[in-house]
PDB file of N, CA and C in Angstrom:
ATOM      1  N   MET A   1       0.847  -1.177   0.000  1.00  0.00           N
ATOM      2  CA  MET A   1       0.000   0.000   0.000  1.00  0.00           C
ATOM      3  C   MET A   1       0.886   1.231   0.000  1.00  0.00           C
ATOM      4  N   ALA A   2       0.584   2.188  -0.864  1.00  0.00           N
ATOM      5  CA  ALA A   2       1.350   3.415  -0.964  1.00  0.00           C
ATOM      6  C   ALA A   2       1.199   4.235   0.308  1.00  0.00           C
ATOM      7  N   GLU A   3       2.181   5.074   0.570  1.00  0.00           N
ATOM      8  CA  GLU A   3       2.207   5.855   1.801  1.00  0.00           C
ATOM      9  C   GLU A   3       1.003   6.782   1.963  1.00  0.00           C
ATOM     10  N   ASN A   4       0.504   7.331   0.873  1.00  0.00           N
ATOM     11  CA  ASN A   4      -0.608   8.289   0.951  1.00  0.00           C
ATOM     12  C   ASN A   4      -1.989   7.634   0.838  1.00  0.00           C
ATOM     13  N   GLU A   5      -2.039   6.306   0.852  1.00  0.00           N
ATOM     14  CA  GLU A   5      -3.317   5.616   0.746  1.00  0.00           C
ATOM     15  C   GLU A   5      -3.896   5.325   2.125  1.00  0.00           C
ATOM     16  N   ASN A   6      -5.211   5.306   2.179  1.00  0.00           N
ATOM     17  CA  ASN A   6      -5.941   5.005   3.400  1.00  0.00           C
ATOM     18  C   ASN A   6      -6.718   3.721   3.163  1.00  0.00           C
ATOM     19  N   ARG A   7      -6.554   2.759   4.057  1.00  0.00           N
ATOM     20  CA  ARG A   7      -7.205   1.458   3.919  1.00  0.00           C
ATOM     21  C   ARG A   7      -8.252   1.314   5.010  1.00  0.00           C
ATOM     22  N   VAL A   8      -9.487   1.044   4.603  1.00  0.00           N
ATOM     23  CA  VAL A   8     -10.582   0.816   5.534  1.00  0.00           C
ATOM     24  C   VAL A   8     -11.003  -0.631   5.383  1.00  0.00           C
ATOM     25  N   GLN A   9     -11.035  -1.363   6.508  1.00  0.00           N
ATOM     26  CA  GLN A   9     -11.497  -2.743   6.462  1.00  0.00           C
ATOM     27  C   GLN A   9     -12.661  -2.904   7.413  1.00  0.00           C
ATOM     28  N   ILE A  10     -13.760  -3.417   6.887  1.00  0.00           N
ATOM     29  CA  ILE A  10     -14.949  -3.724   7.664  1.00  0.00           C
ATOM     30  C   ILE A  10     -15.345  -5.147   7.298  1.00  0.00           C
ATOM     31  N   ASP A  11     -15.140  -6.036   8.253  1.00  0.00           N
ATOM     32  CA  ASP A  11     -15.420  -7.437   8.010  1.00  0.00           C
ATOM     33  C   ASP A  11     -14.611  -7.893   6.798  1.00  0.00           C
ATOM     34  N   ALA A  12     -15.244  -8.442   5.783  1.00  0.00           N
ATOM     35  CA  ALA A  12     -14.541  -8.956   4.607  1.00  0.00           C
ATOM     36  C   ALA A  12     -14.334  -7.899   3.527  1.00  0.00           C
ATOM     37  N   LEU A  13     -14.794  -6.679   3.781  1.00  0.00           N
ATOM     38  CA  LEU A  13     -14.712  -5.597   2.801  1.00  0.00           C
ATOM     39  C   LEU A  13     -13.495  -4.725   3.079  1.00  0.00           C
ATOM     40  N   ILE A  14     -12.695  -4.477   2.047  1.00  0.00           N
ATOM     41  CA  ILE A  14     -11.542  -3.585   2.145  1.00  0.00           C
ATOM     42  C   ILE A  14     -11.695  -2.512   1.082  1.00  0.00           C
ATOM     43  N   LEU A  15     -11.590  -1.253   1.508  1.00  0.00           N
ATOM     44  CA  LEU A  15     -11.670  -0.105   0.604  1.00  0.00           C
ATOM     45  C   LEU A  15     -10.387   0.686   0.733  1.00  0.00           C
ATOM     46  N   VAL A  16      -9.756   0.987  -0.404  1.00  0.00           N
ATOM     47  CA  VAL A  16      -8.490   1.714  -0.406  1.00  0.00           C
ATOM     48  C   VAL A  16      -8.689   3.019  -1.162  1.00  0.00           C
ATOM     49  N   SER A  17      -8.437   4.125  -0.474  1.00  0.00           N
ATOM     50  CA  SER A  17      -8.554   5.424  -1.143  1.00  0.00           C
ATOM     51  C   SER A  17      -7.210   6.120  -1.053  1.00  0.00           C
ATOM     52  N   PRO A  18      -6.853   6.974  -1.960  1.00  0.00           N
ATOM     53  CA  PRO A  18      -7.684   7.486  -3.044  1.00  0.00           C
ATOM     54  C   PRO A  18      -7.673   6.645  -4.315  1.00  0.00           C
ATOM     55  N   SER A  19      -7.036   5.478  -4.282  1.00  0.00           N
ATOM     56  CA  SER A  19      -6.942   4.664  -5.504  1.00  0.00           C
ATOM     57  C   SER A  19      -8.291   4.125  -5.962  1.00  0.00           C
ATOM     58  N   GLY A  20      -9.251   3.992  -5.034  1.00  0.00           N
ATOM     59  CA  GLY A  20     -10.569   3.488  -5.404  1.00  0.00           C
ATOM     60  C   GLY A  20     -10.626   1.979  -5.528  1.00  0.00           C
ATOM     61  N   GLU A  21      -9.620   1.290  -5.005  1.00  0.00           N
ATOM     62  CA  GLU A  21      -9.624  -0.167  -5.047  1.00  0.00           C
ATOM     63  C   GLU A  21     -10.543  -0.702  -3.961  1.00  0.00           C
ATOM     64  N   ALA A  22     -11.250  -1.778  -4.291  1.00  0.00           N
ATOM     65  CA  ALA A  22     -12.157  -2.409  -3.335  1.00  0.00           C
ATOM     66  C   ALA A  22     -12.004  -3.915  -3.458  1.00  0.00           C
ATOM     67  N   PHE A  23     -12.058  -4.578  -2.303  1.00  0.00           N
ATOM     68  CA  PHE A  23     -11.910  -6.025  -2.254  1.00  0.00           C
ATOM     69  C   PHE A  23     -12.965  -6.596  -1.317  1.00  0.00           C
ATOM     70  N   LEU A  24     -13.496  -7.730  -1.682  1.00  0.00           N
ATOM     71  CA  LEU A  24     -14.448  -8.434  -0.835  1.00  0.00           C
ATOM     72  C   LEU A  24     -13.976  -9.870  -0.713  1.00  0.00           C
ATOM     73  N   GLY A  25     -13.672 -10.278   0.509  1.00  0.00           N
ATOM     74  CA  GLY A  25     -13.145 -11.621   0.723  1.00  0.00           C
ATOM     75  C   GLY A  25     -11.846 -11.848  -0.018  1.00  0.00           C
ATOM     76  N   GLY A  26     -11.053 -10.800  -0.185  1.00  0.00           N
ATOM     77  CA  GLY A  26      -9.773 -10.890  -0.878  1.00  0.00           C
ATOM     78  C   GLY A  26      -9.857 -10.774  -2.391  1.00  0.00           C
ATOM     79  N   LEU A  27     -11.060 -10.776  -2.933  1.00  0.00           N
ATOM     80  CA  LEU A  27     -11.239 -10.672  -4.383  1.00  0.00           C
ATOM     81  C   LEU A  27     -11.545  -9.231  -4.773  1.00  0.00           C
ATOM     82  N   PRO A  28     -10.946  -8.752  -5.870  1.00  0.00           N
ATOM     83  CA  PRO A  28     -11.191  -7.369  -6.273  1.00  0.00           C
ATOM     84  C   PRO A  28     -12.618  -7.157  -6.770  1.00  0.00           C
ATOM     85  N   LEU A  29     -13.152  -5.986  -6.453  1.00  0.00           N
ATOM     86  CA  LEU A  29     -14.465  -5.570  -6.947  1.00  0.00           C
ATOM     87  C   LEU A  29     -14.254  -4.531  -8.039  1.00  0.00           C
ATOM     88  N   SER A  30     -15.038  -4.594  -9.062  1.00  0.00           N
ATOM     89  CA  SER A  30     -14.967  -3.610 -10.139  1.00  0.00           C
ATOM     90  C   SER A  30     -16.059  -2.571  -9.906  1.00  0.00           C
ATOM     91  N   LEU A  31     -15.678  -1.459  -9.253  1.00  0.00           N
ATOM     92  CA  LEU A  31     -16.624  -0.402  -8.934  1.00  0.00           C
ATOM     93  C   LEU A  31     -16.298   0.857  -9.710  1.00  0.00           C
ATOM     94  N   THR A  32     -17.328   1.609 -10.063  1.00  0.00           N
ATOM     95  CA  THR A  32     -17.101   2.929 -10.640  1.00  0.00           C
ATOM     96  C   THR A  32     -16.628   3.852  -9.523  1.00  0.00           C
ATOM     97  N   LYS A  33     -16.122   5.014  -9.891  1.00  0.00           N
ATOM     98  CA  LYS A  33     -15.669   5.974  -8.882  1.00  0.00           C
ATOM     99  C   LYS A  33     -16.814   6.370  -7.954  1.00  0.00           C
ATOM    100  N   THR A  34     -17.977   6.593  -8.528  1.00  0.00           N
ATOM    101  CA  THR A  34     -19.118   6.998  -7.705  1.00  0.00           C
ATOM    102  C   THR A  34     -19.569   5.862  -6.807  1.00  0.00           C
ATOM    103  N   GLU A  35     -19.628   4.647  -7.314  1.00  0.00           N
ATOM    104  CA  GLU A  35     -19.999   3.503  -6.481  1.00  0.00           C
ATOM    105  C   GLU A  35     -19.029   3.361  -5.311  1.00  0.00           C
ATOM    106  N   PHE A  36     -17.733   3.510  -5.595  1.00  0.00           N
ATOM    107  CA  PHE A  36     -16.736   3.419  -4.540  1.00  0.00           C
ATOM    108  C   PHE A  36     -16.978   4.496  -3.487  1.00  0.00           C
ATOM    109  N   ARG A  37     -17.201   5.719  -3.917  1.00  0.00           N
ATOM    110  CA  ARG A  37     -17.420   6.824  -2.968  1.00  0.00           C
ATOM    111  C   ARG A  37     -18.672   6.612  -2.128  1.00  0.00           C
ATOM    112  N   VAL A  38     -19.742   6.134  -2.756  1.00  0.00           N
ATOM    113  CA  VAL A  38     -20.980   5.864  -2.008  1.00  0.00           C
ATOM    114  C   VAL A  38     -20.726   4.778  -0.968  1.00  0.00           C
ATOM    115  N   LEU A  39     -20.073   3.691  -1.376  1.00  0.00           N
ATOM    116  CA  LEU A  39     -19.799   2.591  -0.460  1.00  0.00           C
ATOM    117  C   LEU A  39     -18.886   3.045   0.680  1.00  0.00           C
ATOM    118  N   LEU A  40     -17.839   3.786   0.376  1.00  0.00           N
ATOM    119  CA  LEU A  40     -16.926   4.283   1.407  1.00  0.00           C
ATOM    120  C   LEU A  40     -17.658   5.203   2.377  1.00  0.00           C
ATOM    121  N   PHE A  41     -18.479   6.104   1.848  1.00  0.00           N
ATOM    122  CA  PHE A  41     -19.236   7.033   2.690  1.00  0.00           C
ATOM    123  C   PHE A  41     -20.156   6.286   3.649  1.00  0.00           C
ATOM    124  N   LEU A  42     -20.933   5.355   3.117  1.00  0.00           N
ATOM    125  CA  LEU A  42     -21.873   4.616   3.968  1.00  0.00           C
ATOM    126  C   LEU A  42     -21.138   3.703   4.953  1.00  0.00           C
ATOM    127  N   ALA A  43     -20.113   3.012   4.480  1.00  0.00           N
ATOM    128  CA  ALA A  43     -19.407   2.042   5.321  1.00  0.00           C
ATOM    129  C   ALA A  43     -18.675   2.699   6.487  1.00  0.00           C
ATOM    130  N   THR A  44     -18.300   3.953   6.346  1.00  0.00           N
ATOM    131  CA  THR A  44     -17.554   4.638   7.404  1.00  0.00           C
ATOM    132  C   THR A  44     -18.430   5.593   8.205  1.00  0.00           C
ATOM    133  N   SER A  45     -19.729   5.418   8.140  1.00  0.00           N
ATOM    134  CA  SER A  45     -20.658   6.336   8.814  1.00  0.00           C
ATOM    135  C   SER A  45     -21.335   5.725  10.037  1.00  0.00           C
ATOM    136  N   ASP A  46     -20.735   4.707  10.615  1.00  0.00           N
ATOM    137  CA  ASP A  46     -21.206   4.115  11.874  1.00  0.00           C
ATOM    138  C   ASP A  46     -22.695   3.763  11.893  1.00  0.00           C
ATOM    139  N   GLY A  47     -23.209   3.251  10.798  1.00  0.00           N
ATOM    140  CA  GLY A  47     -24.588   2.779  10.764  1.00  0.00           C
ATOM    141  C   GLY A  47     -25.650   3.859  10.680  1.00  0.00           C
ATOM    142  N   ARG A  48     -25.247   5.103  10.518  1.00  0.00           N
ATOM    143  CA  ARG A  48     -26.220   6.190  10.394  1.00  0.00           C
ATOM    144  C   ARG A  48     -26.902   6.130   9.035  1.00  0.00           C
ATOM    145  N   ALA A  49     -28.169   6.499   9.006  1.00  0.00           N
ATOM    146  CA  ALA A  49     -28.930   6.554   7.752  1.00  0.00           C
ATOM    147  C   ALA A  49     -28.792   7.942   7.155  1.00  0.00           C
ATOM    148  N   PHE A  50     -28.701   7.988   5.833  1.00  0.00           N
ATOM    149  CA  PHE A  50     -28.573   9.246   5.111  1.00  0.00           C
ATOM    150  C   PHE A  50     -29.591   9.309   3.994  1.00  0.00           C
ATOM    151  N   SER A  51     -30.117  10.497   3.766  1.00  0.00           N
ATOM    152  CA  SER A  51     -31.039  10.705   2.646  1.00  0.00           C
ATOM    153  C   SER A  51     -30.253  10.636   1.348  1.00  0.00           C
ATOM    154  N   ARG A  52     -30.967  10.479   0.274  1.00  0.00           N
ATOM    155  CA  ARG A  52     -30.327  10.456  -1.043  1.00  0.00           C
ATOM    156  C   ARG A  52     -29.552  11.756  -1.281  1.00  0.00           C
ATOM    157  N   LYS A  53     -30.162  12.865  -0.919  1.00  0.00           N
ATOM    158  CA  LYS A  53     -29.516  14.176  -1.108  1.00  0.00           C
ATOM    159  C   LYS A  53     -28.230  14.272  -0.287  1.00  0.00           C
ATOM    160  N   GLN A  54     -28.253  13.801   0.940  1.00  0.00           N
ATOM    161  CA  GLN A  54     -27.052  13.834   1.776  1.00  0.00           C
ATOM    162  C   GLN A  54     -25.934  12.984   1.167  1.00  0.00           C
ATOM    163  N   ILE A  55     -26.303  11.844   0.612  1.00  0.00           N
ATOM    164  CA  ILE A  55     -25.297  10.975  -0.011  1.00  0.00           C
ATOM    165  C   ILE A  55     -24.697  11.657  -1.232  1.00  0.00           C
ATOM    166  N   ILE A  56     -25.544  12.236  -2.079  1.00  0.00           N
ATOM    167  CA  ILE A  56     -25.055  12.935  -3.267  1.00  0.00           C
ATOM    168  C   ILE A  56     -24.094  14.047  -2.872  1.00  0.00           C
ATOM    169  N   GLU A  57     -24.494  14.861  -1.888  1.00  0.00           N
ATOM    170  CA  GLU A  57     -23.650  15.977  -1.459  1.00  0.00           C
ATOM    171  C   GLU A  57     -22.328  15.494  -0.885  1.00  0.00           C
ATOM    172  N   ALA A  58     -22.349  14.380  -0.173  1.00  0.00           N
ATOM    173  CA  ALA A  58     -21.128  13.846   0.428  1.00  0.00           C
ATOM    174  C   ALA A  58     -20.158  13.301  -0.612  1.00  0.00           C
ATOM    175  N   VAL A  59     -20.676  12.661  -1.652  1.00  0.00           N
ATOM    176  CA  VAL A  59     -19.784  12.010  -2.624  1.00  0.00           C
ATOM    177  C   VAL A  59     -19.510  12.836  -3.875  1.00  0.00           C
ATOM    178  N   GLN A  60     -20.399  13.778  -4.208  1.00  0.00           N
ATOM    179  CA  GLN A  60     -20.228  14.567  -5.431  1.00  0.00           C
ATOM    180  C   GLN A  60     -20.107  16.064  -5.181  1.00  0.00           C
ATOM    181  N   GLY A  61     -20.522  16.517  -4.009  1.00  0.00           N
ATOM    182  CA  GLY A  61     -20.524  17.944  -3.716  1.00  0.00           C
ATOM    183  C   GLY A  61     -21.929  18.503  -3.815  1.00  0.00           C
ATOM    184  N   PRO A  62     -22.161  19.662  -3.185  1.00  0.00           N
ATOM    185  CA  PRO A  62     -23.519  20.202  -3.093  1.00  0.00           C
ATOM    186  C   PRO A  62     -24.110  20.710  -4.406  1.00  0.00           C
ATOM    187  N   ASP A  63     -23.281  21.048  -5.366  1.00  0.00           N
ATOM    188  CA  ASP A  63     -23.787  21.623  -6.609  1.00  0.00           C
ATOM    189  C   ASP A  63     -23.781  20.643  -7.772  1.00  0.00           C
ATOM    190  N   TYR A  64     -23.641  19.361  -7.490  1.00  0.00           N
ATOM    191  CA  TYR A  64     -23.574  18.365  -8.548  1.00  0.00           C
ATOM    192  C   TYR A  64     -24.957  18.169  -9.161  1.00  0.00           C
ATOM    193  N   PRO A  65     -25.073  18.310 -10.482  1.00  0.00           N
ATOM    194  CA  PRO A  65     -26.388  18.222 -11.143  1.00  0.00           C
ATOM    195  C   PRO A  65     -26.844  16.776 -11.359  1.00  0.00           C
ATOM    196  N   VAL A  66     -27.550  16.245 -10.384  1.00  0.00           N
ATOM    197  CA  VAL A  66     -28.020  14.871 -10.475  1.00  0.00           C
ATOM    198  C   VAL A  66     -29.323  14.759  -9.687  1.00  0.00           C
ATOM    199  N   THR A  67     -30.155  13.834 -10.074  1.00  0.00           N
ATOM    200  CA  THR A  67     -31.405  13.644  -9.335  1.00  0.00           C
ATOM    201  C   THR A  67     -31.167  12.738  -8.135  1.00  0.00           C
ATOM    202  N   ASP A  68     -32.002  12.881  -7.128  1.00  0.00           N
ATOM    203  CA  ASP A  68     -31.902  12.043  -5.939  1.00  0.00           C
ATOM    204  C   ASP A  68     -31.983  10.564  -6.292  1.00  0.00           C
ATOM    205  N   ARG A  69     -32.803  10.243  -7.270  1.00  0.00           N
ATOM    206  CA  ARG A  69     -33.030   8.831  -7.613  1.00  0.00           C
ATOM    207  C   ARG A  69     -31.816   8.163  -8.263  1.00  0.00           C
ATOM    208  N   SER A  70     -30.843   8.945  -8.716  1.00  0.00           N
ATOM    209  CA  SER A  70     -29.653   8.322  -9.298  1.00  0.00           C
ATOM    210  C   SER A  70     -28.899   7.524  -8.242  1.00  0.00           C
ATOM    211  N   ILE A  71     -29.018   7.923  -6.971  1.00  0.00           N
ATOM    212  CA  ILE A  71     -28.396   7.156  -5.895  1.00  0.00           C
ATOM    213  C   ILE A  71     -28.994   5.760  -5.832  1.00  0.00           C
ATOM    214  N   ASP A  72     -30.288   5.646  -6.113  1.00  0.00           N
ATOM    215  CA  ASP A  72     -30.926   4.327  -6.133  1.00  0.00           C
ATOM    216  C   ASP A  72     -30.231   3.402  -7.130  1.00  0.00           C
ATOM    217  N   ASP A  73     -29.876   3.945  -8.291  1.00  0.00           N
ATOM    218  CA  ASP A  73     -29.177   3.141  -9.301  1.00  0.00           C
ATOM    219  C   ASP A  73     -27.801   2.705  -8.802  1.00  0.00           C
ATOM    220  N   HIS A  74     -27.075   3.622  -8.161  1.00  0.00           N
ATOM    221  CA  HIS A  74     -25.751   3.272  -7.638  1.00  0.00           C
ATOM    222  C   HIS A  74     -25.863   2.203  -6.552  1.00  0.00           C
ATOM    223  N   VAL A  75     -26.833   2.341  -5.682  1.00  0.00           N
ATOM    224  CA  VAL A  75     -27.028   1.353  -4.618  1.00  0.00           C
ATOM    225  C   VAL A  75     -27.416   0.003  -5.216  1.00  0.00           C
ATOM    226  N   MET A  76     -28.299   0.001  -6.200  1.00  0.00           N
ATOM    227  CA  MET A  76     -28.694  -1.244  -6.855  1.00  0.00           C
ATOM    228  C   MET A  76     -27.464  -1.930  -7.469  1.00  0.00           C
ATOM    229  N   ASN A  77     -26.622  -1.147  -8.153  1.00  0.00           N
ATOM    230  CA  ASN A  77     -25.417  -1.712  -8.759  1.00  0.00           C
ATOM    231  C   ASN A  77     -24.450  -2.231  -7.698  1.00  0.00           C
ATOM    232  N   LEU A  78     -24.295  -1.483  -6.612  1.00  0.00           N
ATOM    233  CA  LEU A  78     -23.427  -1.941  -5.524  1.00  0.00           C
ATOM    234  C   LEU A  78     -23.913  -3.255  -4.944  1.00  0.00           C
ATOM    235  N   ARG A  79     -25.195  -3.342  -4.678  1.00  0.00           N
ATOM    236  CA  ARG A  79     -25.747  -4.582  -4.119  1.00  0.00           C
ATOM    237  C   ARG A  79     -25.506  -5.755  -5.056  1.00  0.00           C
ATOM    238  N   ARG A  80     -25.675  -5.522  -6.344  1.00  0.00           N
ATOM    239  CA  ARG A  80     -25.460  -6.583  -7.328  1.00  0.00           C
ATOM    240  C   ARG A  80     -23.993  -7.012  -7.330  1.00  0.00           C
ATOM    241  N   LYS A  81     -23.092  -6.047  -7.327  1.00  0.00           N
ATOM    242  CA  LYS A  81     -21.664  -6.354  -7.378  1.00  0.00           C
ATOM    243  C   LYS A  81     -21.160  -6.994  -6.085  1.00  0.00           C
ATOM    244  N   LEU A  82     -21.792  -6.679  -4.972  1.00  0.00           N
ATOM    245  CA  LEU A  82     -21.401  -7.239  -3.680  1.00  0.00           C
ATOM    246  C   LEU A  82     -22.017  -8.614  -3.423  1.00  0.00           C
ATOM    247  N   GLY A  83     -22.971  -9.015  -4.250  1.00  0.00           N
ATOM    248  CA  GLY A  83     -23.616 -10.311  -4.066  1.00  0.00           C
ATOM    249  C   GLY A  83     -24.350 -10.377  -2.736  1.00  0.00           C
ATOM    250  N   ASP A  84     -24.244 -11.509  -2.031  1.00  0.00           N
ATOM    251  CA  ASP A  84     -24.920 -11.664  -0.743  1.00  0.00           C
ATOM    252  C   ASP A  84     -24.497 -10.599   0.262  1.00  0.00           C
ATOM    253  N   TYR A  85     -23.256 -10.144   0.168  1.00  0.00           N
ATOM    254  CA  TYR A  85     -22.763  -9.120   1.091  1.00  0.00           C
ATOM    255  C   TYR A  85     -23.492  -7.785   0.885  1.00  0.00           C
ATOM    256  N   GLY A  86     -24.118  -7.602  -0.259  1.00  0.00           N
ATOM    257  CA  GLY A  86     -24.837  -6.372  -0.562  1.00  0.00           C
ATOM    258  C   GLY A  86     -25.970  -6.069   0.401  1.00  0.00           C
ATOM    259  N   ARG A  87     -26.360  -7.061   1.181  1.00  0.00           N
ATOM    260  CA  ARG A  87     -27.424  -6.845   2.171  1.00  0.00           C
ATOM    261  C   ARG A  87     -27.026  -5.850   3.249  1.00  0.00           C
ATOM    262  N   VAL A  88     -25.738  -5.570   3.369  1.00  0.00           N
ATOM    263  CA  VAL A  88     -25.309  -4.607   4.392  1.00  0.00           C
ATOM    264  C   VAL A  88     -25.744  -3.190   4.053  1.00  0.00           C
ATOM    265  N   ILE A  89     -26.087  -2.950   2.793  1.00  0.00           N
ATOM    266  CA  ILE A  89     -26.614  -1.633   2.416  1.00  0.00           C
ATOM    267  C   ILE A  89     -28.127  -1.722   2.542  1.00  0.00           C
ATOM    268  N   GLU A  90     -28.634  -1.126   3.586  1.00  0.00           N
ATOM    269  CA  GLU A  90     -30.059  -1.213   3.896  1.00  0.00           C
ATOM    270  C   GLU A  90     -30.806   0.013   3.412  1.00  0.00           C
ATOM    271  N   THR A  91     -32.014  -0.214   2.949  1.00  0.00           N
ATOM    272  CA  THR A  91     -32.930   0.871   2.667  1.00  0.00           C
ATOM    273  C   THR A  91     -33.655   1.188   3.968  1.00  0.00           C
ATOM    274  N   VAL A  92     -33.606   2.449   4.369  1.00  0.00           N
ATOM    275  CA  VAL A  92     -34.291   2.881   5.580  1.00  0.00           C
ATOM    276  C   VAL A  92     -35.509   3.678   5.129  1.00  0.00           C
ATOM    277  N   ARG A  93     -36.660   3.074   5.290  1.00  0.00           N
ATOM    278  CA  ARG A  93     -37.913   3.666   4.812  1.00  0.00           C
ATOM    279  C   ARG A  93     -38.085   5.095   5.338  1.00  0.00           C
ATOM    280  N   GLY A  94     -38.331   6.014   4.416  1.00  0.00           N
ATOM    281  CA  GLY A  94     -38.544   7.408   4.775  1.00  0.00           C
ATOM    282  C   GLY A  94     -37.275   8.184   5.067  1.00  0.00           C
ATOM    283  N   ALA A  95     -36.117   7.506   5.010  1.00  0.00           N
ATOM    284  CA  ALA A  95     -34.867   8.191   5.325  1.00  0.00           C
ATOM    285  C   ALA A  95     -33.855   8.105   4.186  1.00  0.00           C
ATOM    286  N   GLY A  96     -33.585   6.920   3.698  1.00  0.00           N
ATOM    287  CA  GLY A  96     -32.576   6.763   2.652  1.00  0.00           C
ATOM    288  C   GLY A  96     -31.874   5.429   2.778  1.00  0.00           C
ATOM    289  N   TYR A  97     -30.548   5.489   2.984  1.00  0.00           N
ATOM    290  CA  TYR A  97     -29.741   4.277   3.048  1.00  0.00           C
ATOM    291  C   TYR A  97     -28.759   4.339   4.201  1.00  0.00           C
ATOM    292  N   ARG A  98     -28.344   3.139   4.640  1.00  0.00           N
ATOM    293  CA  ARG A  98     -27.276   3.034   5.619  1.00  0.00           C
ATOM    294  C   ARG A  98     -26.527   1.734   5.385  1.00  0.00           C
ATOM    295  N   TYR A  99     -25.324   1.689   5.926  1.00  0.00           N
ATOM    296  CA  TYR A  99     -24.498   0.487   5.894  1.00  0.00           C
ATOM    297  C   TYR A  99     -24.585  -0.137   7.273  1.00  0.00           C
ATOM    298  N   ARG A 100     -25.046  -1.339   7.319  1.00  0.00           N
ATOM    299  CA  ARG A 100     -25.166  -2.041   8.590  1.00  0.00           C
ATOM    300  C   ARG A 100     -24.155  -3.166   8.609  1.00  0.00           C
ATOM    301  N   LYS A 101     -23.196  -3.044   9.514  1.00  0.00           N
ATOM    302  CA  LYS A 101     -22.147  -4.054   9.607  1.00  0.00           C
ATOM    303  C   LYS A 101     -22.763  -5.415   9.872  1.00  0.00           C
ATOM    304  N   PRO A 102     -22.268  -6.444   9.192  1.00  0.00           N
ATOM    305  CA  PRO A 102     -22.801  -7.783   9.429  1.00  0.00           C
ATOM    306  C   PRO A 102     -22.390  -8.290  10.796  1.00  0.00           C
ATOM    307  N   VAL A 103     -23.235  -9.118  11.392  1.00  0.00           N
ATOM    308  CA  VAL A 103     -22.883  -9.791  12.629  1.00  0.00           C
ATOM    309  C   VAL A 103     -21.732 -10.716  12.304  1.00  0.00           C
ATOM    310  N   GLN A 104     -20.771 -10.819  13.186  1.00  0.00           N
ATOM    311  CA  GLN A 104     -19.576 -11.612  12.915  1.00  0.00           C
ATOM    312  C   GLN A 104     -19.926 -12.995  12.376  1.00  0.00           C
ATOM    313  N   GLY A 105     -19.309 -13.324  11.253  1.00  0.00           N
ATOM    314  CA  GLY A 105     -19.517 -14.633  10.641  1.00  0.00           C
ATOM    315  C   GLY A 105     -20.763 -14.718   9.779  1.00  0.00           C
ATOM    316  N   ARG A 106     -21.514 -13.616   9.677  1.00  0.00           N
ATOM    317  CA  ARG A 106     -22.736 -13.624   8.876  1.00  0.00           C
ATOM    318  C   ARG A 106     -22.694 -12.478   7.878  1.00  0.00           C
ATOM    319  N   ILE A 107     -23.407 -12.641   6.801  1.00  0.00           N
ATOM    320  CA  ILE A 107     -23.471 -11.575   5.801  1.00  0.00           C
ATOM    321  C   ILE A 107     -24.888 -11.082   5.581  1.00  0.00           C
ATOM    322  N   ASP A 108     -25.789 -11.432   6.478  1.00  0.00           N
ATOM    323  CA  ASP A 108     -27.176 -11.042   6.261  1.00  0.00           C
ATOM    324  C   ASP A 108     -27.556  -9.755   6.988  1.00  0.00           C
ATOM    325  N   GLY A 109     -26.561  -9.036   7.534  1.00  0.00           N
ATOM    326  CA  GLY A 109     -26.854  -7.782   8.197  1.00  0.00           C
ATOM    327  C   GLY A 109     -27.450  -7.976   9.579  1.00  0.00           C
ATOM    328  N   GLY A 110     -27.446  -9.177  10.092  1.00  0.00           N
ATOM    329  CA  GLY A 110     -27.907  -9.434  11.449  1.00  0.00           C
ATOM    330  C   GLY A 110     -29.398  -9.254  11.632  1.00  0.00           C
ATOM    331  N   ARG A 111     -30.186  -9.661  10.700  1.00  0.00           N
ATOM    332  CA  ARG A 111     -31.630  -9.433  10.768  1.00  0.00           C
ATOM    333  C   ARG A 111     -32.337 -10.344  11.779  1.00  0.00           C
ATOM    334  N   ASN A 112     -31.639 -11.297  12.350  1.00  0.00           N
ATOM    335  CA  ASN A 112     -32.264 -12.210  13.316  1.00  0.00           C
ATOM    336  C   ASN A 112     -32.059 -11.761  14.747  1.00  0.00           C
ATOM    337  N   GLU A 113     -32.054 -10.479  15.000  1.00  0.00           N
ATOM    338  CA  GLU A 113     -31.804  -9.962  16.353  1.00  0.00           C
ATOM    339  C   GLU A 113     -32.988 -10.152  17.236  1.00  0.00           C
TER     340      GLU A 113
END
């Protein structure tokens, strides 16, 4: 890892910035820059839920010309690329999205609490 890179590891997910590299279970993920930024933002936000607008502003800036619903497309693509692990990106009804760390040894987001 280069000296100026920051590595975030959450369970089996590793995100390296600013290179934009992502790994799941040691295997590389092919993410767009925006997908990487959305995933990094949510994964490092301690389980807090964010509105679509808040996510856009965090990853693209406040003046970025995009609709709120474009985040839905990025989240859908992330979930698809993450496979079963994609369940950690939860839809929070009336709020937006959050990253919920999986219970140790599980990838279902701990829904059996």
